[in-house]
C-alpha atoms as a PDB file:
ATOM      1  CA  UNK A   1     -15.504 -18.954  -1.180  1.00  0.00           C
ATOM      2  CA  UNK A   2     -16.351 -16.509   1.608  1.00  0.00           C
ATOM      3  CA  UNK A   3     -17.539 -13.102   0.284  1.00  0.00           C
ATOM      4  CA  UNK A   4     -14.696 -11.315   2.091  1.00  0.00           C
ATOM      5  CA  UNK A   5     -12.197 -13.675   0.471  1.00  0.00           C
ATOM      6  CA  UNK A   6     -13.720 -12.745  -2.905  1.00  0.00           C
ATOM      7  CA  UNK A   7     -13.376  -9.081  -1.897  1.00  0.00           C
ATOM      8  CA  UNK A   8      -9.642  -9.565  -1.286  1.00  0.00           C
ATOM      9  CA  UNK A   9      -9.234 -11.263  -4.656  1.00  0.00           C
ATOM     10  CA  UNK A  10     -11.009  -8.278  -6.274  1.00  0.00           C
ATOM     11  CA  UNK A  11      -8.682  -5.903  -4.402  1.00  0.00           C
ATOM     12  CA  UNK A  12      -5.499  -7.688  -5.509  1.00  0.00           C
ATOM     13  CA  UNK A  13      -6.735  -8.160  -9.068  1.00  0.00           C
ATOM     14  CA  UNK A  14      -7.381  -4.404  -9.185  1.00  0.00           C
ATOM     15  CA  UNK A  15      -3.843  -3.881  -7.868  1.00  0.00           C
ATOM     16  CA  UNK A  16      -2.485  -6.139 -10.620  1.00  0.00           C
ATOM     17  CA  UNK A  17      -4.270  -3.987 -13.231  1.00  0.00           C
ATOM     18  CA  UNK A  18      -3.230  -0.733 -11.478  1.00  0.00           C
ATOM     19  CA  UNK A  19      -6.965  -0.026 -11.223  1.00  0.00           C
ATOM     20  CA  UNK A  20      -7.188   2.259  -8.201  1.00  0.00           C
ATOM     21  CA  UNK A  21     -10.927   2.694  -8.680  1.00  0.00           C
ATOM     22  CA  UNK A  22     -11.474  -1.052  -8.288  1.00  0.00           C
ATOM     23  CA  UNK A  23      -9.203  -1.082  -5.242  1.00  0.00           C
ATOM     24  CA  UNK A  24     -10.927   1.925  -3.644  1.00  0.00           C
ATOM     25  CA  UNK A  25     -14.314   0.249  -4.111  1.00  0.00           C
ATOM     26  CA  UNK A  26     -13.183  -2.483  -1.697  1.00  0.00           C
ATOM     27  CA  UNK A  27     -12.872  -0.049   1.247  1.00  0.00           C
ATOM     28  CA  UNK A  28     -15.435   1.382   3.639  1.00  0.00           C
ATOM     29  CA  UNK A  29     -15.493   5.210   3.608  1.00  0.00           C
ATOM     30  CA  UNK A  30     -13.981   5.309   7.116  1.00  0.00           C
ATOM     31  CA  UNK A  31     -11.300   2.687   6.445  1.00  0.00           C
ATOM     32  CA  UNK A  32      -7.833   2.893   7.945  1.00  0.00           C
ATOM     33  CA  UNK A  33      -4.509   1.804   6.453  1.00  0.00           C
ATOM     34  CA  UNK A  34      -1.037   1.527   7.876  1.00  0.00           C
ATOM     35  CA  UNK A  35       2.276   0.139   6.680  1.00  0.00           C
ATOM     36  CA  UNK A  36       5.922   0.909   7.496  1.00  0.00           C
ATOM     37  CA  UNK A  37       5.856   3.956   5.167  1.00  0.00           C
ATOM     38  CA  UNK A  38       2.244   5.206   5.080  1.00  0.00           C
ATOM     39  CA  UNK A  39       1.226   5.198   8.715  1.00  0.00           C
ATOM     40  CA  UNK A  40      -2.189   6.001  10.136  1.00  0.00           C
ATOM     41  CA  UNK A  41      -4.113   6.802   6.950  1.00  0.00           C
ATOM     42  CA  UNK A  42      -7.846   7.337   7.425  1.00  0.00           C
ATOM     43  CA  UNK A  43     -10.915   7.798   5.266  1.00  0.00           C
ATOM     44  CA  UNK A  44     -10.238   9.489   1.919  1.00  0.00           C
ATOM     45  CA  UNK A  45      -6.468   9.187   2.435  1.00  0.00           C
ATOM     46  CA  UNK A  46      -6.631   5.430   1.841  1.00  0.00           C
ATOM     47  CA  UNK A  47      -8.024   5.427  -1.717  1.00  0.00           C
ATOM     48  CA  UNK A  48      -5.998   8.571  -2.499  1.00  0.00           C
ATOM     49  CA  UNK A  49      -2.816   6.638  -1.699  1.00  0.00           C
ATOM     50  CA  UNK A  50      -3.806   3.890  -4.141  1.00  0.00           C
ATOM     51  CA  UNK A  51      -4.750   6.451  -6.816  1.00  0.00           C
ATOM     52  CA  UNK A  52      -1.375   8.140  -6.371  1.00  0.00           C
ATOM     53  CA  UNK A  53       0.634   4.902  -6.424  1.00  0.00           C
ATOM     54  CA  UNK A  54      -1.281   3.418  -9.370  1.00  0.00           C
ATOM     55  CA  UNK A  55      -0.853   6.657 -11.304  1.00  0.00           C
ATOM     56  CA  UNK A  56       2.911   6.649 -10.773  1.00  0.00           C
ATOM     57  CA  UNK A  57       3.403   2.969 -11.572  1.00  0.00           C
ATOM     58  CA  UNK A  58       4.989   2.242 -14.929  1.00  0.00           C
ATOM     59  CA  UNK A  59       6.389  -1.253 -14.591  1.00  0.00           C
ATOM     60  CA  UNK A  60       4.505  -2.587 -11.574  1.00  0.00           C
ATOM     61  CA  UNK A  61       3.775  -6.288 -11.360  1.00  0.00           C
ATOM     62  CA  UNK A  62       1.812  -7.763  -8.478  1.00  0.00           C
ATOM     63  CA  UNK A  63       1.442 -11.340  -7.365  1.00  0.00           C
ATOM     64  CA  UNK A  64      -0.509 -12.478  -4.348  1.00  0.00           C
ATOM     65  CA  UNK A  65      -1.194 -15.656  -2.419  1.00  0.00           C
ATOM     66  CA  UNK A  66      -2.462 -16.967   0.877  1.00  0.00           C
ATOM     67  CA  UNK A  67      -5.809 -15.182   0.711  1.00  0.00           C
ATOM     68  CA  UNK A  68      -7.980 -16.178   3.666  1.00  0.00           C
ATOM     69  CA  UNK A  69     -10.996 -14.392   5.098  1.00  0.00           C
ATOM     70  CA  UNK A  70     -13.992 -14.871   7.330  1.00  0.00           C
ATOM     71  CA  UNK A  71     -16.733 -12.502   8.502  1.00  0.00           C
ATOM     72  CA  UNK A  72     -14.378 -10.243  10.436  1.00  0.00           C
ATOM     73  CA  UNK A  73     -10.736 -10.818   9.447  1.00  0.00           C
ATOM     74  CA  UNK A  74      -8.561 -11.669   6.482  1.00  0.00           C
ATOM     75  CA  UNK A  75      -4.984 -11.972   5.349  1.00  0.00           C
ATOM     76  CA  UNK A  76      -2.867 -12.251   2.220  1.00  0.00           C
ATOM     77  CA  UNK A  77       0.711 -12.006   1.042  1.00  0.00           C
ATOM     78  CA  UNK A  78       1.482  -9.707  -1.864  1.00  0.00           C
ATOM     79  CA  UNK A  79       4.630  -9.264  -3.876  1.00  0.00           C
ATOM     80  CA  UNK A  80       5.042  -5.972  -5.724  1.00  0.00           C
ATOM     81  CA  UNK A  81       7.914  -5.549  -8.172  1.00  0.00           C
ATOM     82  CA  UNK A  82       8.600  -2.113  -9.651  1.00  0.00           C
ATOM     83  CA  UNK A  83      11.225   0.526 -10.376  1.00  0.00           C
ATOM     84  CA  UNK A  84      11.636   3.242  -7.765  1.00  0.00           C
ATOM     85  CA  UNK A  85      12.810   6.833  -7.896  1.00  0.00           C
ATOM     86  CA  UNK A  86      14.859   8.778 -10.426  1.00  0.00           C
ATOM     87  CA  UNK A  87      17.472   5.994 -10.584  1.00  0.00           C
ATOM     88  CA  UNK A  88      14.674   3.494 -11.407  1.00  0.00           C
ATOM     89  CA  UNK A  89      16.072   0.943  -8.953  1.00  0.00           C
ATOM     90  CA  UNK A  90      14.285  -2.399  -9.029  1.00  0.00           C
ATOM     91  CA  UNK A  91      12.313  -3.157  -5.871  1.00  0.00           C
ATOM     92  CA  UNK A  92      10.735  -6.483  -5.003  1.00  0.00           C
ATOM     93  CA  UNK A  93       8.627  -5.917  -1.914  1.00  0.00           C
ATOM     94  CA  UNK A  94       6.963  -8.786  -0.049  1.00  0.00           C
ATOM     95  CA  UNK A  95       4.010  -7.500   1.946  1.00  0.00           C
ATOM     96  CA  UNK A  96       2.042  -9.359   4.604  1.00  0.00           C
ATOM     97  CA  UNK A  97      -1.439  -7.886   4.938  1.00  0.00           C
ATOM     98  CA  UNK A  98      -4.055  -8.241   7.667  1.00  0.00           C
ATOM     99  CA  UNK A  99      -7.583  -6.999   7.045  1.00  0.00           C
ATOM    100  CA  UNK A 100     -10.706  -6.274   9.059  1.00  0.00           C
ATOM    101  CA  UNK A 101     -14.129  -6.212   7.407  1.00  0.00           C
ATOM    102  CA  UNK A 102     -17.495  -4.609   8.045  1.00  0.00           C
ATOM    103  CA  UNK A 103     -20.561  -4.853   5.825  1.00  0.00           C
ATOM    104  CA  UNK A 104     -18.639  -6.442   2.951  1.00  0.00           C
ATOM    105  CA  UNK A 105     -15.898  -3.787   2.827  1.00  0.00           C
ATOM    106  CA  UNK A 106     -12.351  -3.469   4.148  1.00  0.00           C
ATOM    107  CA  UNK A 107     -12.465  -1.276   7.240  1.00  0.00           C
ATOM    108  CA  UNK A 108      -8.821  -1.706   8.301  1.00  0.00           C
ATOM    109  CA  UNK A 109      -5.662  -2.857   6.546  1.00  0.00           C
ATOM    110  CA  UNK A 110      -2.321  -3.337   8.263  1.00  0.00           C
ATOM    111  CA  UNK A 111       0.602  -4.171   5.991  1.00  0.00           C
ATOM    112  CA  UNK A 112       4.025  -5.238   7.171  1.00  0.00           C
ATOM    113  CA  UNK A 113       7.245  -5.509   5.222  1.00  0.00           C
ATOM    114  CA  UNK A 114      10.932  -5.170   5.939  1.00  0.00           C
ATOM    115  CA  UNK A 115      11.613  -1.440   5.507  1.00  0.00           C
ATOM    116  CA  UNK A 116      15.376  -1.919   5.691  1.00  0.00           C
ATOM    117  CA  UNK A 117      15.214  -4.497   2.875  1.00  0.00           C
ATOM    118  CA  UNK A 118      13.016  -2.094   0.878  1.00  0.00           C
ATOM    119  CA  UNK A 119      15.392   0.827   1.487  1.00  0.00           C
ATOM    120  CA  UNK A 120      18.399  -1.227   0.311  1.00  0.00           C
ATOM    121  CA  UNK A 121      16.666  -1.888  -3.004  1.00  0.00           C
ATOM    122  CA  UNK A 122      14.986   1.519  -3.423  1.00  0.00           C
ATOM    123  CA  UNK A 123      17.779   3.802  -2.171  1.00  0.00           C
ATOM    124  CA  UNK A 124      20.902   1.813  -3.017  1.00  0.00           C
ATOM    125  CA  UNK A 125      23.999   2.291  -0.879  1.00  0.00           C
ATOM    126  CA  UNK A 126      22.419   4.942   1.343  1.00  0.00           C
ATOM    127  CA  UNK A 127      19.505   2.604   2.114  1.00  0.00           C
ATOM    128  CA  UNK A 128      21.819  -0.361   2.691  1.00  0.00           C
ATOM    129  CA  UNK A 129      23.967   1.588   5.143  1.00  0.00           C
ATOM    130  CA  UNK A 130      21.270   3.626   6.895  1.00  0.00           C
ATOM    131  CA  UNK A 131      17.935   1.905   6.200  1.00  0.00           C
ATOM    132  CA  UNK A 132      17.797   0.586   9.755  1.00  0.00           C
ATOM    133  CA  UNK A 133      18.497   4.068  11.177  1.00  0.00           C
ATOM    134  CA  UNK A 134      15.395   5.802  12.628  1.00  0.00           C
ATOM    135  CA  UNK A 135      16.167   9.222  11.065  1.00  0.00           C
ATOM    136  CA  UNK A 136      16.247   7.711   7.555  1.00  0.00           C
ATOM    137  CA  UNK A 137      13.048   5.784   8.240  1.00  0.00           C
ATOM    138  CA  UNK A 138      11.465   9.034   9.400  1.00  0.00           C
ATOM    139  CA  UNK A 139      12.650  10.800   6.250  1.00  0.00           C
ATOM    140  CA  UNK A 140      11.111   8.068   4.082  1.00  0.00           C
ATOM    141  CA  UNK A 141       7.790   8.436   5.930  1.00  0.00           C
ATOM    142  CA  UNK A 142       7.831  12.242   5.723  1.00  0.00           C
ATOM    143  CA  UNK A 143       8.571  12.157   1.993  1.00  0.00           C
ATOM    144  CA  UNK A 144       5.726   9.695   1.410  1.00  0.00           C
ATOM    145  CA  UNK A 145       3.336  11.818   3.481  1.00  0.00           C
ATOM    146  CA  UNK A 146       4.406  14.955   1.631  1.00  0.00           C
ATOM    147  CA  UNK A 147       3.759  13.214  -1.690  1.00  0.00           C
ATOM    148  CA  UNK A 148       0.313  12.036  -0.595  1.00  0.00           C
ATOM    149  CA  UNK A 149      -0.632  15.485   0.702  1.00  0.00           C
ATOM    150  CA  UNK A 150       0.499  17.114  -2.559  1.00  0.00           C
ATOM    151  CA  UNK A 151      -1.433  14.535  -4.573  1.00  0.00           C
ATOM    152  CA  UNK A 152      -4.583  15.080  -2.519  1.00  0.00           C
ATOM    153  CA  UNK A 153      -4.253  18.875  -2.857  1.00  0.00           C
ATOM    154  CA  UNK A 154      -3.781  18.611  -6.626  1.00  0.00           C
ATOM    155  CA  UNK A 155      -6.802  16.310  -6.917  1.00  0.00           C
ATOM    156  CA  UNK A 156      -8.847  18.461  -4.506  1.00  0.00           C
ATOM    157  CA  UNK A 157      -9.371  15.506  -2.175  1.00  0.00           C
ATOM    158  CA  UNK A 158     -10.009  16.352   1.446  1.00  0.00           C
ATOM    159  CA  UNK A 159      -8.458  14.102   4.061  1.00  0.00           C
ATOM    160  CA  UNK A 160     -10.330  12.032   6.608  1.00  0.00           C
END
C-alpha cells in the first residue's frame, strides 16, 4: 500500500471515530480545503472545521471506499450519515474527495457532493424547493462560515 493511501485510511478512520486530532494530523500546516459549503479554507481553518464538526456530531456514521493514492494525488468516496439541525433531520451525504499530497501530508482536499440533495435532507421542504437557488446556497455557506469563525474565536484559533 502506498504511504499516501495509508494516510487516507488513517484520515477516514479518524473521521469514523470522530477523532479530529487524528484527522488534523493528516494535513500539512498550509493545507487547503473546499467543498460546496466550506469554500476556500486555508491553514488552521482546515483542522478547526474538523474539530468543530466532530465536536457537534452525536450520531455520525462514516463509511468510505475507493481509496487510491500515489506520490502526488489521491481520491476516495465517503458517506456520512447524521442528524442535522434543531429538527434532527437525517442526512446521508455522499462525498467524492480529491487530494494532493506533499511530504506525506494532505496539502489540498477538494470535496464534491450534491448540495441540492443535501439541502433537501437537511432543510426539509425549504431545501427541496429552494436548494438549487443561489441565494439559499449562499445562505448555507454564510451560516457555515459564521459557525466556523465563532468556533475559532471561542477556541482562540487564528485563521490562516
